[in-house]
Amino acid sequence: MIDVLSVASEIYPLIKTGGLADVTGALPGALAPLGVSMRTLVPGYPAVLG
């Protein structure tokens, strides 16, 4: 198992302004069958923190 930590400005479904959110939201699920455990850090935007 490989552990990966990514950092992005947006991630679907929390915050989306463009295509980056789609990729960062889908990538962990796409890599999981390959033995990759992935977590993504995003900024604490007011819209995310609610």
PDB file of N, CA and C in Angstrom:
ATOM      1  N   MET A   1       0.854  -1.182   0.000  1.00  0.00           N
ATOM      2  CA  MET A   1       0.000   0.000   0.000  1.00  0.00           C
ATOM      3  C   MET A   1       0.898   1.242   0.000  1.00  0.00           C
ATOM      4  N   ILE A   2       0.589   2.173  -0.837  1.00  0.00           N
ATOM      5  CA  ILE A   2       1.296   3.451  -0.911  1.00  0.00           C
ATOM      6  C   ILE A   2       0.368   4.532  -0.367  1.00  0.00           C
ATOM      7  N   ASP A   3       0.878   5.360   0.520  1.00  0.00           N
ATOM      8  CA  ASP A   3       0.111   6.487   1.054  1.00  0.00           C
ATOM      9  C   ASP A   3       0.519   7.760   0.325  1.00  0.00           C
ATOM     10  N   VAL A   4      -0.475   8.499  -0.173  1.00  0.00           N
ATOM     11  CA  VAL A   4      -0.226   9.739  -0.910  1.00  0.00           C
ATOM     12  C   VAL A   4      -1.034  10.858  -0.271  1.00  0.00           C
ATOM     13  N   LEU A   5      -0.397  11.987  -0.079  1.00  0.00           N
ATOM     14  CA  LEU A   5      -1.074  13.188   0.401  1.00  0.00           C
ATOM     15  C   LEU A   5      -0.980  14.231  -0.696  1.00  0.00           C
ATOM     16  N   SER A   6      -2.131  14.678  -1.192  1.00  0.00           N
ATOM     17  CA  SER A   6      -2.137  15.721  -2.217  1.00  0.00           C
ATOM     18  C   SER A   6      -2.705  17.005  -1.625  1.00  0.00           C
ATOM     19  N   VAL A   7      -2.365  18.102  -2.240  1.00  0.00           N
ATOM     20  CA  VAL A   7      -2.858  19.414  -1.824  1.00  0.00           C
ATOM     21  C   VAL A   7      -3.477  20.069  -3.049  1.00  0.00           C
ATOM     22  N   ALA A   8      -4.708  20.549  -2.899  1.00  0.00           N
ATOM     23  CA  ALA A   8      -5.398  21.175  -4.026  1.00  0.00           C
ATOM     24  C   ALA A   8      -6.240  22.347  -3.534  1.00  0.00           C
ATOM     25  N   SER A   9      -6.531  23.257  -4.431  1.00  0.00           N
ATOM     26  CA  SER A   9      -7.339  24.424  -4.074  1.00  0.00           C
ATOM     27  C   SER A   9      -8.831  24.123  -4.070  1.00  0.00           C
ATOM     28  N   GLU A  10      -9.215  23.000  -4.655  1.00  0.00           N
ATOM     29  CA  GLU A  10     -10.632  22.626  -4.698  1.00  0.00           C
ATOM     30  C   GLU A  10     -10.752  21.121  -4.857  1.00  0.00           C
ATOM     31  N   ILE A  11     -11.888  20.584  -4.394  1.00  0.00           N
ATOM     32  CA  ILE A  11     -12.172  19.153  -4.545  1.00  0.00           C
ATOM     33  C   ILE A  11     -13.691  18.958  -4.564  1.00  0.00           C
ATOM     34  N   TYR A  12     -14.156  18.207  -5.543  1.00  0.00           N
ATOM     35  CA  TYR A  12     -15.581  17.898  -5.629  1.00  0.00           C
ATOM     36  C   TYR A  12     -15.895  16.824  -4.597  1.00  0.00           C
ATOM     37  N   PRO A  13     -16.933  16.936  -3.832  1.00  0.00           N
ATOM     38  CA  PRO A  13     -18.082  17.829  -3.887  1.00  0.00           C
ATOM     39  C   PRO A  13     -18.006  19.023  -2.932  1.00  0.00           C
ATOM     40  N   LEU A  14     -16.882  19.244  -2.264  1.00  0.00           N
ATOM     41  CA  LEU A  14     -16.822  20.339  -1.284  1.00  0.00           C
ATOM     42  C   LEU A  14     -16.820  21.717  -1.924  1.00  0.00           C
ATOM     43  N   ILE A  15     -15.929  21.934  -2.871  1.00  0.00           N
ATOM     44  CA  ILE A  15     -15.858  23.231  -3.544  1.00  0.00           C
ATOM     45  C   ILE A  15     -15.386  23.005  -4.967  1.00  0.00           C
ATOM     46  N   LYS A  16     -16.094  23.618  -5.925  1.00  0.00           N
ATOM     47  CA  LYS A  16     -15.790  23.402  -7.336  1.00  0.00           C
ATOM     48  C   LYS A  16     -15.919  24.709  -8.099  1.00  0.00           C
ATOM     49  N   THR A  17     -14.825  25.102  -8.744  1.00  0.00           N
ATOM     50  CA  THR A  17     -14.866  26.265  -9.628  1.00  0.00           C
ATOM     51  C   THR A  17     -14.404  25.896 -11.026  1.00  0.00           C
ATOM     52  N   GLY A  18     -13.855  24.705 -11.179  1.00  0.00           N
ATOM     53  CA  GLY A  18     -13.359  24.278 -12.485  1.00  0.00           C
ATOM     54  C   GLY A  18     -13.089  22.789 -12.514  1.00  0.00           C
ATOM     55  N   GLY A  19     -12.359  22.369 -13.543  1.00  0.00           N
ATOM     56  CA  GLY A  19     -12.088  20.954 -13.757  1.00  0.00           C
ATOM     57  C   GLY A  19     -11.173  20.315 -12.730  1.00  0.00           C
ATOM     58  N   LEU A  20     -10.353  21.120 -12.052  1.00  0.00           N
ATOM     59  CA  LEU A  20      -9.454  20.571 -11.036  1.00  0.00           C
ATOM     60  C   LEU A  20     -10.236  19.829  -9.960  1.00  0.00           C
ATOM     61  N   ALA A  21     -11.383  20.359  -9.568  1.00  0.00           N
ATOM     62  CA  ALA A  21     -12.202  19.726  -8.526  1.00  0.00           C
ATOM     63  C   ALA A  21     -12.647  18.331  -8.950  1.00  0.00           C
ATOM     64  N   ASP A  22     -12.981  18.167 -10.212  1.00  0.00           N
ATOM     65  CA  ASP A  22     -13.399  16.852 -10.710  1.00  0.00           C
ATOM     66  C   ASP A  22     -12.259  15.840 -10.614  1.00  0.00           C
ATOM     67  N   VAL A  23     -11.064  16.269 -10.990  1.00  0.00           N
ATOM     68  CA  VAL A  23      -9.907  15.369 -10.963  1.00  0.00           C
ATOM     69  C   VAL A  23      -9.534  15.013  -9.529  1.00  0.00           C
ATOM     70  N   THR A  24      -9.435  16.017  -8.652  1.00  0.00           N
ATOM     71  CA  THR A  24      -9.036  15.741  -7.274  1.00  0.00           C
ATOM     72  C   THR A  24     -10.093  14.929  -6.532  1.00  0.00           C
ATOM     73  N   GLY A  25     -11.350  15.049  -6.939  1.00  0.00           N
ATOM     74  CA  GLY A  25     -12.406  14.254  -6.321  1.00  0.00           C
ATOM     75  C   GLY A  25     -12.416  12.812  -6.790  1.00  0.00           C
ATOM     76  N   ALA A  26     -12.050  12.577  -8.047  1.00  0.00           N
ATOM     77  CA  ALA A  26     -12.110  11.233  -8.625  1.00  0.00           C
ATOM     78  C   ALA A  26     -10.814  10.442  -8.468  1.00  0.00           C
ATOM     79  N   LEU A  27      -9.698  11.123  -8.341  1.00  0.00           N
ATOM     80  CA  LEU A  27      -8.400  10.443  -8.336  1.00  0.00           C
ATOM     81  C   LEU A  27      -8.224   9.427  -7.207  1.00  0.00           C
ATOM     82  N   PRO A  28      -8.607   9.722  -5.966  1.00  0.00           N
ATOM     83  CA  PRO A  28      -8.423   8.709  -4.913  1.00  0.00           C
ATOM     84  C   PRO A  28      -9.147   7.393  -5.207  1.00  0.00           C
ATOM     85  N   GLY A  29     -10.360   7.480  -5.707  1.00  0.00           N
ATOM     86  CA  GLY A  29     -11.112   6.269  -6.044  1.00  0.00           C
ATOM     87  C   GLY A  29     -10.513   5.508  -7.214  1.00  0.00           C
ATOM     88  N   ALA A  30      -9.939   6.247  -8.159  1.00  0.00           N
ATOM     89  CA  ALA A  30      -9.321   5.602  -9.315  1.00  0.00           C
ATOM     90  C   ALA A  30      -8.013   4.902  -8.946  1.00  0.00           C
ATOM     91  N   LEU A  31      -7.295   5.434  -7.964  1.00  0.00           N
ATOM     92  CA  LEU A  31      -6.009   4.855  -7.579  1.00  0.00           C
ATOM     93  C   LEU A  31      -6.130   3.757  -6.520  1.00  0.00           C
ATOM     94  N   ALA A  32      -7.244   3.712  -5.815  1.00  0.00           N
ATOM     95  CA  ALA A  32      -7.423   2.725  -4.740  1.00  0.00           C
ATOM     96  C   ALA A  32      -7.238   1.281  -5.218  1.00  0.00           C
ATOM     97  N   PRO A  33      -7.795   0.880  -6.363  1.00  0.00           N
ATOM     98  CA  PRO A  33      -7.589  -0.503  -6.814  1.00  0.00           C
ATOM     99  C   PRO A  33      -6.127  -0.838  -7.116  1.00  0.00           C
ATOM    100  N   LEU A  34      -5.308   0.191  -7.274  1.00  0.00           N
ATOM    101  CA  LEU A  34      -3.883  -0.015  -7.551  1.00  0.00           C
ATOM    102  C   LEU A  34      -3.048  -0.040  -6.276  1.00  0.00           C
ATOM    103  N   GLY A  35      -3.721   0.012  -5.116  1.00  0.00           N
ATOM    104  CA  GLY A  35      -3.018  -0.050  -3.850  1.00  0.00           C
ATOM    105  C   GLY A  35      -2.546   1.292  -3.330  1.00  0.00           C
ATOM    106  N   VAL A  36      -3.192   2.357  -3.774  1.00  0.00           N
ATOM    107  CA  VAL A  36      -2.810   3.701  -3.346  1.00  0.00           C
ATOM    108  C   VAL A  36      -3.882   4.253  -2.414  1.00  0.00           C
ATOM    109  N   SER A  37      -3.471   4.630  -1.222  1.00  0.00           N
ATOM    110  CA  SER A  37      -4.362   5.287  -0.265  1.00  0.00           C
ATOM    111  C   SER A  37      -4.079   6.782  -0.344  1.00  0.00           C
ATOM    112  N   MET A  38      -5.072   7.564  -0.762  1.00  0.00           N
ATOM    113  CA  MET A  38      -4.839   8.976  -1.047  1.00  0.00           C
ATOM    114  C   MET A  38      -5.745   9.865  -0.214  1.00  0.00           C
ATOM    115  N   ARG A  39      -5.154  10.908   0.345  1.00  0.00           N
ATOM    116  CA  ARG A  39      -5.898  11.945   1.058  1.00  0.00           C
ATOM    117  C   ARG A  39      -5.552  13.277   0.427  1.00  0.00           C
ATOM    118  N   THR A  40      -6.516  14.203   0.453  1.00  0.00           N
ATOM    119  CA  THR A  40      -6.307  15.511  -0.155  1.00  0.00           C
ATOM    120  C   THR A  40      -6.588  16.604   0.856  1.00  0.00           C
ATOM    121  N   LEU A  41      -5.662  17.537   0.966  1.00  0.00           N
ATOM    122  CA  LEU A  41      -5.838  18.715   1.811  1.00  0.00           C
ATOM    123  C   LEU A  41      -6.330  19.871   0.956  1.00  0.00           C
ATOM    124  N   VAL A  42      -7.326  20.593   1.467  1.00  0.00           N
ATOM    125  CA  VAL A  42      -7.816  21.797   0.793  1.00  0.00           C
ATOM    126  C   VAL A  42      -7.857  22.937   1.803  1.00  0.00           C
ATOM    127  N   PRO A  43      -7.783  24.172   1.329  1.00  0.00           N
ATOM    128  CA  PRO A  43      -7.856  25.312   2.247  1.00  0.00           C
ATOM    129  C   PRO A  43      -9.194  25.348   2.980  1.00  0.00           C
ATOM    130  N   GLY A  44      -9.201  25.948   4.152  1.00  0.00           N
ATOM    131  CA  GLY A  44     -10.420  26.053   4.950  1.00  0.00           C
ATOM    132  C   GLY A  44     -11.283  27.227   4.529  1.00  0.00           C
ATOM    133  N   TYR A  45     -11.753  27.199   3.289  1.00  0.00           N
ATOM    134  CA  TYR A  45     -12.634  28.249   2.783  1.00  0.00           C
ATOM    135  C   TYR A  45     -13.915  28.295   3.612  1.00  0.00           C
ATOM    136  N   PRO A  46     -14.525  29.477   3.774  1.00  0.00           N
ATOM    137  CA  PRO A  46     -15.792  29.564   4.515  1.00  0.00           C
ATOM    138  C   PRO A  46     -16.872  28.627   3.957  1.00  0.00           C
ATOM    139  N   ALA A  47     -16.914  28.461   2.640  1.00  0.00           N
ATOM    140  CA  ALA A  47     -17.917  27.575   2.034  1.00  0.00           C
ATOM    141  C   ALA A  47     -17.692  26.117   2.443  1.00  0.00           C
ATOM    142  N   VAL A  48     -16.454  25.747   2.700  1.00  0.00           N
ATOM    143  CA  VAL A  48     -16.133  24.376   3.098  1.00  0.00           C
ATOM    144  C   VAL A  48     -16.420  24.172   4.578  1.00  0.00           C
ATOM    145  N   LEU A  49     -16.050  25.156   5.385  1.00  0.00           N
ATOM    146  CA  LEU A  49     -16.215  25.038   6.831  1.00  0.00           C
ATOM    147  C   LEU A  49     -17.658  25.203   7.273  1.00  0.00           C
ATOM    148  N   GLY A  50     -18.476  25.805   6.406  1.00  0.00           N
ATOM    149  CA  GLY A  50     -19.900  25.932   6.622  1.00  0.00           C
ATOM    150  C   GLY A  50     -20.305  26.784   7.735  1.00  0.00           C
TER     151      GLY A  50
END
